[in-house]
PDB file of N, CA and C in Angstrom:
ATOM      1  N   UNK A   1      -1.946 -96.675  49.754  1.00  0.00           N
ATOM      2  CA  UNK A   1      -2.117 -98.097  50.032  1.00  0.00           C
ATOM      3  C   UNK A   1      -3.515 -98.526  49.564  1.00  0.00           C
ATOM      4  N   UNK A   2      -3.563 -99.618  48.840  1.00  0.00           N
ATOM      5  CA  UNK A   2      -4.834-100.139  48.324  1.00  0.00           C
ATOM      6  C   UNK A   2      -5.642-100.797  49.447  1.00  0.00           C
ATOM      7  N   UNK A   3      -6.965-100.804  49.287  1.00  0.00           N
ATOM      8  CA  UNK A   3      -7.846-101.391  50.298  1.00  0.00           C
ATOM      9  C   UNK A   3      -7.516-102.875  50.505  1.00  0.00           C
ATOM     10  N   UNK A   4      -7.234-103.599  49.419  1.00  0.00           N
ATOM     11  CA  UNK A   4      -6.919-105.031  49.556  1.00  0.00           C
ATOM     12  C   UNK A   4      -5.654-105.247  50.391  1.00  0.00           C
ATOM     13  N   UNK A   5      -4.685-104.372  50.223  1.00  0.00           N
ATOM     14  CA  UNK A   5      -3.450-104.464  51.006  1.00  0.00           C
ATOM     15  C   UNK A   5      -3.732-104.142  52.476  1.00  0.00           C
ATOM     16  N   UNK A   6      -4.593-103.159  52.717  1.00  0.00           N
ATOM     17  CA  UNK A   6      -4.978-102.813  54.091  1.00  0.00           C
ATOM     18  C   UNK A   6      -5.703-103.995  54.737  1.00  0.00           C
ATOM     19  N   UNK A   7      -6.599-104.643  53.988  1.00  0.00           N
ATOM     20  CA  UNK A   7      -7.320-105.807  54.515  1.00  0.00           C
ATOM     21  C   UNK A   7      -6.325-106.888  54.939  1.00  0.00           C
ATOM     22  N   UNK A   8      -5.374-107.184  54.076  1.00  0.00           N
ATOM     23  CA  UNK A   8      -4.365-108.204  54.377  1.00  0.00           C
ATOM     24  C   UNK A   8      -3.593-107.834  55.646  1.00  0.00           C
ATOM     25  N   UNK A   9      -3.166-106.566  55.745  1.00  0.00           N
ATOM     26  CA  UNK A   9      -2.429-106.103  56.923  1.00  0.00           C
ATOM     27  C   UNK A   9      -3.292-106.164  58.181  1.00  0.00           C
ATOM     28  N   UNK A  10      -4.548-105.725  58.071  1.00  0.00           N
ATOM     29  CA  UNK A  10      -5.439-105.728  59.233  1.00  0.00           C
ATOM     30  C   UNK A  10      -5.660-107.136  59.773  1.00  0.00           C
ATOM     31  N   UNK A  11      -5.826-108.096  58.891  1.00  0.00           N
ATOM     32  CA  UNK A  11      -6.039-109.478  59.347  1.00  0.00           C
ATOM     33  C   UNK A  11      -4.864-109.948  60.199  1.00  0.00           C
ATOM     34  N   UNK A  12      -3.646-109.699  59.732  1.00  0.00           N
ATOM     35  CA  UNK A  12      -2.443-110.082  60.483  1.00  0.00           C
ATOM     36  C   UNK A  12      -2.397-109.322  61.810  1.00  0.00           C
ATOM     37  N   UNK A  13      -2.661-108.024  61.757  1.00  0.00           N
ATOM     38  CA  UNK A  13      -2.594-107.189  62.960  1.00  0.00           C
ATOM     39  C   UNK A  13      -3.660-107.583  63.982  1.00  0.00           C
ATOM     40  N   UNK A  14      -4.859-107.924  63.521  1.00  0.00           N
ATOM     41  CA  UNK A  14      -5.931-108.348  64.435  1.00  0.00           C
ATOM     42  C   UNK A  14      -5.535-109.637  65.146  1.00  0.00           C
ATOM     43  N   UNK A  15      -5.026-110.608  64.399  1.00  0.00           N
ATOM     44  CA  UNK A  15      -4.613-111.881  65.007  1.00  0.00           C
ATOM     45  C   UNK A  15      -3.527-111.636  66.051  1.00  0.00           C
ATOM     46  N   UNK A  16      -2.544-110.786  65.725  1.00  0.00           N
ATOM     47  CA  UNK A  16      -1.452-110.497  66.662  1.00  0.00           C
ATOM     48  C   UNK A  16      -1.926-109.692  67.869  1.00  0.00           C
ATOM     49  N   UNK A  17      -2.680-108.602  67.611  1.00  0.00           N
ATOM     50  CA  UNK A  17      -3.122-107.700  68.680  1.00  0.00           C
ATOM     51  C   UNK A  17      -4.026-108.413  69.683  1.00  0.00           C
ATOM     52  N   UNK A  18      -4.894-109.295  69.180  1.00  0.00           N
ATOM     53  CA  UNK A  18      -5.871-109.951  70.053  1.00  0.00           C
ATOM     54  C   UNK A  18      -5.421-111.340  70.503  1.00  0.00           C
ATOM     55  N   UNK A  19      -4.183-111.720  70.140  1.00  0.00           N
ATOM     56  CA  UNK A  19      -3.659-113.039  70.500  1.00  0.00           C
ATOM     57  C   UNK A  19      -4.622-114.165  70.132  1.00  0.00           C
ATOM     58  N   UNK A  20      -5.117-114.136  68.907  1.00  0.00           N
ATOM     59  CA  UNK A  20      -6.047-115.165  68.443  1.00  0.00           C
ATOM     60  C   UNK A  20      -5.246-116.378  67.970  1.00  0.00           C
ATOM     61  N   UNK A  21      -4.847-117.211  68.920  1.00  0.00           N
ATOM     62  CA  UNK A  21      -3.958-118.332  68.639  1.00  0.00           C
ATOM     63  C   UNK A  21      -4.590-119.369  67.711  1.00  0.00           C
ATOM     64  N   UNK A  22      -5.906-119.499  67.756  1.00  0.00           N
ATOM     65  CA  UNK A  22      -6.603-120.520  66.970  1.00  0.00           C
ATOM     66  C   UNK A  22      -6.936-120.037  65.554  1.00  0.00           C
ATOM     67  N   UNK A  23      -6.671-118.762  65.266  1.00  0.00           N
ATOM     68  CA  UNK A  23      -7.096-118.165  63.996  1.00  0.00           C
ATOM     69  C   UNK A  23      -5.883-117.762  63.169  1.00  0.00           C
ATOM     70  N   UNK A  24      -5.922-118.105  61.885  1.00  0.00           N
ATOM     71  CA  UNK A  24      -4.896-117.647  60.954  1.00  0.00           C
ATOM     72  C   UNK A  24      -5.470-116.459  60.190  1.00  0.00           C
ATOM     73  N   UNK A  25      -4.630-115.475  59.843  1.00  0.00           N
ATOM     74  CA  UNK A  25      -5.135-114.303  59.108  1.00  0.00           C
ATOM     75  C   UNK A  25      -5.931-114.685  57.858  1.00  0.00           C
ATOM     76  N   UNK A  26      -5.464-115.699  57.141  1.00  0.00           N
ATOM     77  CA  UNK A  26      -6.156-116.091  55.906  1.00  0.00           C
ATOM     78  C   UNK A  26      -7.509-116.755  56.163  1.00  0.00           C
ATOM     79  N   UNK A  27      -7.766-117.151  57.415  1.00  0.00           N
ATOM     80  CA  UNK A  27      -9.059-117.751  57.766  1.00  0.00           C
ATOM     81  C   UNK A  27     -10.140-116.701  58.019  1.00  0.00           C
ATOM     82  N   UNK A  28      -9.746-115.453  58.174  1.00  0.00           N
ATOM     83  CA  UNK A  28     -10.707-114.393  58.476  1.00  0.00           C
ATOM     84  C   UNK A  28     -11.353-113.914  57.180  1.00  0.00           C
ATOM     85  N   UNK A  29     -12.676-113.985  57.131  1.00  0.00           N
ATOM     86  CA  UNK A  29     -13.439-113.472  55.987  1.00  0.00           C
ATOM     87  C   UNK A  29     -13.567-111.963  56.166  1.00  0.00           C
ATOM     88  N   UNK A  30     -13.111-111.208  55.185  1.00  0.00           N
ATOM     89  CA  UNK A  30     -13.107-109.744  55.287  1.00  0.00           C
ATOM     90  C   UNK A  30     -14.500-109.170  55.475  1.00  0.00           C
ATOM     91  N   UNK A  31     -15.530-109.889  55.030  1.00  0.00           N
ATOM     92  CA  UNK A  31     -16.900-109.380  55.135  1.00  0.00           C
ATOM     93  C   UNK A  31     -17.687-109.980  56.303  1.00  0.00           C
ATOM     94  N   UNK A  32     -17.079-110.901  57.021  1.00  0.00           N
ATOM     95  CA  UNK A  32     -17.759-111.520  58.165  1.00  0.00           C
ATOM     96  C   UNK A  32     -17.775-110.549  59.343  1.00  0.00           C
ATOM     97  N   UNK A  33     -18.818-110.613  60.164  1.00  0.00           N
ATOM     98  CA  UNK A  33     -18.867-109.747  61.350  1.00  0.00           C
ATOM     99  C   UNK A  33     -17.695-110.030  62.283  1.00  0.00           C
ATOM    100  N   UNK A  34     -17.151-108.977  62.872  1.00  0.00           N
ATOM    101  CA  UNK A  34     -16.069-109.162  63.844  1.00  0.00           C
ATOM    102  C   UNK A  34     -16.627-109.582  65.197  1.00  0.00           C
ATOM    103  N   UNK A  35     -17.843-109.129  65.502  1.00  0.00           N
ATOM    104  CA  UNK A  35     -18.465-109.422  66.793  1.00  0.00           C
ATOM    105  C   UNK A  35     -19.640-110.366  66.586  1.00  0.00           C
ATOM    106  N   UNK A  36     -19.975-111.122  67.634  1.00  0.00           N
ATOM    107  CA  UNK A  36     -21.111-112.034  67.529  1.00  0.00           C
ATOM    108  C   UNK A  36     -20.755-113.275  66.731  1.00  0.00           C
ATOM    109  N   UNK A  37     -21.558-113.594  65.724  1.00  0.00           N
ATOM    110  CA  UNK A  37     -21.432-114.844  64.983  1.00  0.00           C
ATOM    111  C   UNK A  37     -20.138-114.984  64.185  1.00  0.00           C
ATOM    112  N   UNK A  38     -19.576-113.882  63.751  1.00  0.00           N
ATOM    113  CA  UNK A  38     -18.377-113.952  62.913  1.00  0.00           C
ATOM    114  C   UNK A  38     -17.150-114.389  63.685  1.00  0.00           C
ATOM    115  N   UNK A  39     -16.261-113.450  63.948  1.00  0.00           N
ATOM    116  CA  UNK A  39     -15.011-113.742  64.657  1.00  0.00           C
ATOM    117  C   UNK A  39     -15.248-113.904  66.166  1.00  0.00           C
ATOM    118  N   UNK A  40     -16.390-113.427  66.648  1.00  0.00           N
ATOM    119  CA  UNK A  40     -16.752-113.624  68.045  1.00  0.00           C
ATOM    120  C   UNK A  40     -16.030-112.724  69.032  1.00  0.00           C
ATOM    121  N   UNK A  41     -15.675-111.524  68.592  1.00  0.00           N
ATOM    122  CA  UNK A  41     -14.973-110.596  69.480  1.00  0.00           C
ATOM    123  C   UNK A  41     -15.932-109.997  70.504  1.00  0.00           C
ATOM    124  N   UNK A  42     -15.361-109.416  71.575  1.00  0.00           N
ATOM    125  CA  UNK A  42     -16.180-108.785  72.620  1.00  0.00           C
ATOM    126  C   UNK A  42     -15.746-107.333  72.830  1.00  0.00           C
ATOM    127  N   UNK A  43     -16.311-106.689  73.846  1.00  0.00           N
ATOM    128  CA  UNK A  43     -16.055-105.262  74.061  1.00  0.00           C
ATOM    129  C   UNK A  43     -14.589-104.968  74.413  1.00  0.00           C
ATOM    130  N   UNK A  44     -13.924-105.878  75.096  1.00  0.00           N
ATOM    131  CA  UNK A  44     -12.495-105.694  75.392  1.00  0.00           C
ATOM    132  C   UNK A  44     -11.703-105.711  74.081  1.00  0.00           C
ATOM    133  N   UNK A  45     -12.082-106.617  73.186  1.00  0.00           N
ATOM    134  CA  UNK A  45     -11.429-106.681  71.877  1.00  0.00           C
ATOM    135  C   UNK A  45     -11.638-105.375  71.099  1.00  0.00           C
ATOM    136  N   UNK A  46     -12.801-104.764  71.259  1.00  0.00           N
ATOM    137  CA  UNK A  46     -13.075-103.494  70.572  1.00  0.00           C
ATOM    138  C   UNK A  46     -12.066-102.430  71.007  1.00  0.00           C
ATOM    139  N   UNK A  47     -11.756-102.398  72.290  1.00  0.00           N
ATOM    140  CA  UNK A  47     -10.756-101.443  72.785  1.00  0.00           C
ATOM    141  C   UNK A  47      -9.390-101.737  72.167  1.00  0.00           C
ATOM    142  N   UNK A  48      -9.063-103.009  72.037  1.00  0.00           N
ATOM    143  CA  UNK A  48      -7.797-103.401  71.417  1.00  0.00           C
ATOM    144  C   UNK A  48      -7.750-102.973  69.949  1.00  0.00           C
ATOM    145  N   UNK A  49      -8.887-103.045  69.264  1.00  0.00           N
ATOM    146  CA  UNK A  49      -8.936-102.616  67.860  1.00  0.00           C
ATOM    147  C   UNK A  49      -8.720-101.109  67.746  1.00  0.00           C
ATOM    148  N   UNK A  50      -9.248-100.355  68.706  1.00  0.00           N
ATOM    149  CA  UNK A  50      -9.026 -98.900  68.733  1.00  0.00           C
ATOM    150  C   UNK A  50      -7.527 -98.621  68.893  1.00  0.00           C
ATOM    151  N   UNK A  51      -6.889 -99.351  69.803  1.00  0.00           N
ATOM    152  CA  UNK A  51      -5.444 -99.207  70.012  1.00  0.00           C
ATOM    153  C   UNK A  51      -4.690 -99.578  68.741  1.00  0.00           C
ATOM    154  N   UNK A  52      -5.105-100.646  68.086  1.00  0.00           N
ATOM    155  CA  UNK A  52      -4.469-101.093  66.847  1.00  0.00           C
ATOM    156  C   UNK A  52      -4.497 -99.982  65.793  1.00  0.00           C
ATOM    157  N   UNK A  53      -5.647 -99.348  65.614  1.00  0.00           N
ATOM    158  CA  UNK A  53      -5.750 -98.276  64.610  1.00  0.00           C
ATOM    159  C   UNK A  53      -4.873 -97.084  64.975  1.00  0.00           C
ATOM    160  N   UNK A  54      -4.824 -96.755  66.261  1.00  0.00           N
ATOM    161  CA  UNK A  54      -3.988 -95.619  66.693  1.00  0.00           C
ATOM    162  C   UNK A  54      -2.507 -95.937  66.481  1.00  0.00           C
ATOM    163  N   UNK A  55      -2.101 -97.144  66.875  1.00  0.00           N
ATOM    164  CA  UNK A  55      -0.691 -97.535  66.825  1.00  0.00           C
ATOM    165  C   UNK A  55      -0.198 -97.699  65.379  1.00  0.00           C
ATOM    166  N   UNK A  56      -0.973 -98.371  64.550  1.00  0.00           N
ATOM    167  CA  UNK A  56      -0.513 -98.723  63.207  1.00  0.00           C
ATOM    168  C   UNK A  56      -0.866 -97.700  62.129  1.00  0.00           C
ATOM    169  N   UNK A  57      -1.935 -96.921  62.361  1.00  0.00           N
ATOM    170  CA  UNK A  57      -2.395 -96.013  61.305  1.00  0.00           C
ATOM    171  C   UNK A  57      -2.569 -94.568  61.778  1.00  0.00           C
ATOM    172  N   UNK A  58      -2.247 -94.312  63.055  1.00  0.00           N
ATOM    173  CA  UNK A  58      -2.380 -92.981  63.636  1.00  0.00           C
ATOM    174  C   UNK A  58      -3.794 -92.415  63.473  1.00  0.00           C
ATOM    175  N   UNK A  59      -4.771 -93.303  63.639  1.00  0.00           N
ATOM    176  CA  UNK A  59      -6.189 -92.916  63.551  1.00  0.00           C
ATOM    177  C   UNK A  59      -6.787 -93.013  64.946  1.00  0.00           C
ATOM    178  N   UNK A  60      -7.338 -91.900  65.411  1.00  0.00           N
ATOM    179  CA  UNK A  60      -7.990 -91.882  66.722  1.00  0.00           C
ATOM    180  C   UNK A  60      -9.504 -91.921  66.522  1.00  0.00           C
ATOM    181  N   UNK A  61     -10.162 -92.798  67.269  1.00  0.00           N
ATOM    182  CA  UNK A  61     -11.615 -92.893  67.221  1.00  0.00           C
ATOM    183  C   UNK A  61     -12.149 -92.362  68.544  1.00  0.00           C
ATOM    184  N   UNK A  62     -12.879 -91.272  68.481  1.00  0.00           N
ATOM    185  CA  UNK A  62     -13.399 -90.624  69.680  1.00  0.00           C
ATOM    186  C   UNK A  62     -14.805 -91.119  70.047  1.00  0.00           C
ATOM    187  N   UNK A  63     -15.641 -91.299  69.043  1.00  0.00           N
ATOM    188  CA  UNK A  63     -17.057 -91.581  69.255  1.00  0.00           C
ATOM    189  C   UNK A  63     -17.330 -93.091  69.225  1.00  0.00           C
ATOM    190  N   UNK A  64     -17.827 -93.651  70.335  1.00  0.00           N
ATOM    191  CA  UNK A  64     -18.119 -95.090  70.372  1.00  0.00           C
ATOM    192  C   UNK A  64     -19.127 -95.534  69.300  1.00  0.00           C
ATOM    193  N   UNK A  65     -20.070 -94.659  68.959  1.00  0.00           N
ATOM    194  CA  UNK A  65     -21.031 -95.007  67.908  1.00  0.00           C
ATOM    195  C   UNK A  65     -20.320 -95.153  66.572  1.00  0.00           C
ATOM    196  N   UNK A  66     -19.344 -94.286  66.334  1.00  0.00           N
ATOM    197  CA  UNK A  66     -18.553 -94.357  65.116  1.00  0.00           C
ATOM    198  C   UNK A  66     -17.751 -95.668  65.101  1.00  0.00           C
ATOM    199  N   UNK A  67     -17.206 -96.045  66.248  1.00  0.00           N
ATOM    200  CA  UNK A  67     -16.413 -97.274  66.348  1.00  0.00           C
ATOM    201  C   UNK A  67     -17.253 -98.488  65.983  1.00  0.00           C
ATOM    202  N   UNK A  68     -18.503 -98.509  66.414  1.00  0.00           N
ATOM    203  CA  UNK A  68     -19.370 -99.655  66.129  1.00  0.00           C
ATOM    204  C   UNK A  68     -19.521 -99.863  64.623  1.00  0.00           C
ATOM    205  N   UNK A  69     -19.682 -98.776  63.882  1.00  0.00           N
ATOM    206  CA  UNK A  69     -19.816 -98.872  62.424  1.00  0.00           C
ATOM    207  C   UNK A  69     -18.490 -99.273  61.772  1.00  0.00           C
ATOM    208  N   UNK A  70     -17.398 -98.719  62.274  1.00  0.00           N
ATOM    209  CA  UNK A  70     -16.074 -99.011  61.697  1.00  0.00           C
ATOM    210  C   UNK A  70     -15.707-100.473  61.907  1.00  0.00           C
ATOM    211  N   UNK A  71     -16.017-101.027  63.068  1.00  0.00           N
ATOM    212  CA  UNK A  71     -15.607-102.381  63.425  1.00  0.00           C
ATOM    213  C   UNK A  71     -16.640-103.444  63.065  1.00  0.00           C
ATOM    214  N   UNK A  72     -17.484-103.169  62.074  1.00  0.00           N
ATOM    215  CA  UNK A  72     -18.456-104.168  61.632  1.00  0.00           C
ATOM    216  C   UNK A  72     -17.744-105.390  61.058  1.00  0.00           C
ATOM    217  N   UNK A  73     -16.739-105.148  60.218  1.00  0.00           N
ATOM    218  CA  UNK A  73     -15.982-106.236  59.585  1.00  0.00           C
ATOM    219  C   UNK A  73     -14.580-105.721  59.255  1.00  0.00           C
ATOM    220  N   UNK A  74     -13.721-106.609  58.808  1.00  0.00           N
ATOM    221  CA  UNK A  74     -12.383-106.187  58.375  1.00  0.00           C
ATOM    222  C   UNK A  74     -12.525-105.241  57.175  1.00  0.00           C
ATOM    223  N   UNK A  75     -13.494-105.530  56.303  1.00  0.00           N
ATOM    224  CA  UNK A  75     -13.719-104.681  55.129  1.00  0.00           C
ATOM    225  C   UNK A  75     -14.075-103.252  55.540  1.00  0.00           C
ATOM    226  N   UNK A  76     -14.971-103.089  56.516  1.00  0.00           N
ATOM    227  CA  UNK A  76     -15.356-101.732  56.941  1.00  0.00           C
ATOM    228  C   UNK A  76     -14.188-101.021  57.620  1.00  0.00           C
ATOM    229  N   UNK A  77     -13.374-101.782  58.346  1.00  0.00           N
ATOM    230  CA  UNK A  77     -12.177-101.191  58.950  1.00  0.00           C
ATOM    231  C   UNK A  77     -11.218-100.709  57.862  1.00  0.00           C
ATOM    232  N   UNK A  78     -10.991-101.549  56.857  1.00  0.00           N
ATOM    233  CA  UNK A  78     -10.068-101.208  55.774  1.00  0.00           C
ATOM    234  C   UNK A  78     -10.571 -99.998  54.993  1.00  0.00           C
ATOM    235  N   UNK A  79     -11.861 -99.943  54.732  1.00  0.00           N
ATOM    236  CA  UNK A  79     -12.440 -98.794  54.014  1.00  0.00           C
ATOM    237  C   UNK A  79     -12.233 -97.521  54.813  1.00  0.00           C
ATOM    238  N   UNK A  80     -12.411 -97.609  56.135  1.00  0.00           N
ATOM    239  CA  UNK A  80     -12.233 -96.434  56.995  1.00  0.00           C
ATOM    240  C   UNK A  80     -10.773 -95.991  57.001  1.00  0.00           C
ATOM    241  N   UNK A  81      -9.856 -96.940  57.147  1.00  0.00           N
ATOM    242  CA  UNK A  81      -8.414 -96.623  57.135  1.00  0.00           C
ATOM    243  C   UNK A  81      -8.046 -95.962  55.802  1.00  0.00           C
ATOM    244  N   UNK A  82      -8.519 -96.548  54.704  1.00  0.00           N
ATOM    245  CA  UNK A  82      -8.210 -96.002  53.370  1.00  0.00           C
ATOM    246  C   UNK A  82      -8.734 -94.567  53.239  1.00  0.00           C
ATOM    247  N   UNK A  83      -9.927 -94.305  53.766  1.00  0.00           N
ATOM    248  CA  UNK A  83     -10.510 -92.969  53.667  1.00  0.00           C
ATOM    249  C   UNK A  83      -9.713 -91.943  54.472  1.00  0.00           C
ATOM    250  N   UNK A  84      -9.113 -92.369  55.557  1.00  0.00           N
ATOM    251  CA  UNK A  84      -8.322 -91.480  56.399  1.00  0.00           C
ATOM    252  C   UNK A  84      -6.907 -91.248  55.856  1.00  0.00           C
ATOM    253  N   UNK A  85      -6.452 -92.141  54.973  1.00  0.00           N
ATOM    254  CA  UNK A  85      -5.092 -92.052  54.450  1.00  0.00           C
ATOM    255  C   UNK A  85      -5.017 -91.145  53.207  1.00  0.00           C
ATOM    256  N   UNK A  86      -6.161 -90.759  52.678  1.00  0.00           N
ATOM    257  CA  UNK A  86      -6.158 -89.957  51.452  1.00  0.00           C
ATOM    258  C   UNK A  86      -5.873 -88.500  51.740  1.00  0.00           C
TER     259      UNK A  86
END
């Protein structure tokens, strides 16, 4: 699976998993921060993203420090998923 395809899938999955009713997948900038100024997610959302990766990609994240780097943006998530799929 190409990184661009993963990005597209992740955007849809993030909107669905986090019930972001006001956000459309195409409105999410792949390079914008997921937390803080970007999408404005919080620590509960981070747990949901961990569940999303486990459910959809069979990727388990054990280390919270690792999760912080992975969940910087949709792009960093997609790069991580792609690296695990090889």
